[in-house]
Amino acid sequence: MAKLSENFPDRKLLLNLGNEIFFNAGKQVTTQIFDLNRMLISPSLQWSKALSISLTWNSQFASTPTPGKYIHSNVTWLQVRHNLDFKKTPHP
């Protein structure tokens, strides 16, 4: 995390990293235990507590119905997150 402004302490540059591994479970699963491995890298600009923008890169390996065969894909997406607070009381 890096603060971007002394006057606006909520403005920050963040780096999110993640690795998600998905497994199949159940009595019907015999050979395809591994389902998906997804790695995420996402730099984010938090403009305020209510607004942030992220550019996320997702690299994933997914299993297929054919044992031992996998699909690799790269996906990039832009996320805009805006939190709305409906609890605030209106000003007169």
Protein backbone atom coordinates (compact mmCIF):
# COMPACT_ATOMS: atom_id res chain seq x y z
CA MET A 1 0.00 0.00 0.00
CA ALA A 2 1.23 3.49 -0.85
CA LYS A 3 -0.53 6.67 0.17
CA LEU A 4 -0.91 9.08 -2.74
CA SER A 5 -1.83 12.32 -0.98
CA GLU A 6 -1.28 13.98 2.38
CA ASN A 7 -4.48 16.02 1.90
CA PHE A 8 -6.58 12.95 1.01
CA PRO A 9 -5.49 10.05 3.28
CA ASP A 10 -8.00 7.63 1.70
CA ARG A 11 -6.23 7.79 -1.69
CA LYS A 12 -3.99 4.75 -1.91
CA LEU A 13 -2.31 2.51 -4.44
CA LEU A 14 -2.78 -1.17 -3.56
CA LEU A 15 -1.47 -4.42 -4.98
CA ASN A 16 -3.63 -7.50 -4.56
CA LEU A 17 -2.16 -10.95 -5.23
CA GLY A 18 -4.04 -14.22 -5.12
CA ASN A 19 -3.86 -17.89 -5.99
CA GLU A 20 -7.02 -19.96 -5.92
CA ILE A 21 -6.99 -23.73 -6.30
CA PHE A 22 -10.29 -25.54 -6.88
CA PHE A 23 -10.80 -29.24 -6.23
CA ASN A 24 -13.74 -31.49 -7.06
CA ALA A 25 -15.18 -33.57 -4.23
CA GLY A 26 -17.79 -36.27 -3.85
CA LYS A 27 -18.31 -39.97 -4.43
CA GLN A 28 -18.76 -39.52 -8.20
CA VAL A 29 -15.29 -37.91 -8.57
CA THR A 30 -12.71 -40.58 -9.39
CA THR A 31 -10.04 -39.08 -11.68
CA GLN A 32 -10.68 -35.33 -12.01
CA ILE A 33 -9.89 -34.18 -8.47
CA PHE A 34 -8.10 -31.02 -9.69
CA ASP A 35 -10.48 -28.53 -11.32
CA LEU A 36 -8.85 -25.10 -11.62
CA ASN A 37 -5.81 -23.06 -10.53
CA ARG A 38 -6.24 -19.33 -10.87
CA MET A 39 -3.49 -16.74 -10.21
CA LEU A 40 -4.53 -13.10 -9.86
CA ILE A 41 -2.50 -9.88 -9.91
CA SER A 42 -4.46 -6.69 -9.41
CA PRO A 43 -3.07 -3.19 -8.89
CA SER A 44 -5.82 -0.97 -7.48
CA LEU A 45 -6.31 2.75 -7.08
CA GLN A 46 -8.44 3.55 -4.05
CA TRP A 47 -9.72 7.05 -4.72
CA SER A 48 -11.83 7.22 -1.56
CA LYS A 49 -13.39 4.83 0.95
CA ALA A 50 -16.31 4.52 -1.45
CA LEU A 51 -14.57 4.32 -4.86
CA SER A 52 -11.74 2.17 -6.21
CA ILE A 53 -10.55 1.07 -9.66
CA SER A 54 -8.59 -2.14 -10.34
CA LEU A 55 -6.98 -3.67 -13.40
CA THR A 56 -6.81 -7.43 -12.81
CA TRP A 57 -4.83 -10.04 -14.71
CA ASN A 58 -5.98 -13.62 -14.26
CA SER A 59 -3.93 -16.60 -15.48
CA GLN A 60 -5.68 -19.92 -15.07
CA PHE A 61 -5.26 -23.63 -15.76
CA ALA A 62 -8.53 -25.55 -15.95
CA SER A 63 -9.17 -29.25 -16.28
CA THR A 64 -11.19 -30.67 -19.15
CA PRO A 65 -13.32 -33.82 -19.40
CA THR A 66 -10.25 -35.55 -20.92
CA PRO A 67 -7.96 -36.75 -18.09
CA GLY A 68 -4.54 -35.10 -18.20
CA LYS A 69 -5.66 -32.35 -20.62
CA TYR A 70 -5.85 -28.76 -19.37
CA ILE A 71 -6.75 -25.37 -20.81
CA HIS A 72 -4.61 -22.31 -20.06
CA SER A 73 -6.14 -18.86 -20.45
CA ASN A 74 -5.23 -15.28 -19.63
CA VAL A 75 -7.99 -12.84 -18.82
CA THR A 76 -7.76 -9.13 -18.01
CA TRP A 77 -10.62 -7.15 -16.60
CA LEU A 78 -11.28 -3.66 -15.30
CA GLN A 79 -13.17 -3.38 -12.02
CA VAL A 80 -14.86 -0.27 -10.71
CA ARG A 81 -16.10 -0.62 -7.15
CA HIS A 82 -18.44 1.98 -5.71
CA ASN A 83 -19.84 1.41 -2.23
CA LEU A 84 -23.16 3.12 -1.61
CA ASP A 85 -24.18 3.94 1.96
CA PHE A 86 -27.96 4.05 2.29
CA LYS A 87 -27.81 4.48 6.09
CA LYS A 88 -26.69 8.10 6.02
CA THR A 89 -29.33 10.56 7.09
CA PRO A 90 -30.12 13.29 4.55
CA HIS A 91 -29.05 16.85 5.36
CA PRO A 92 -31.92 19.37 5.79
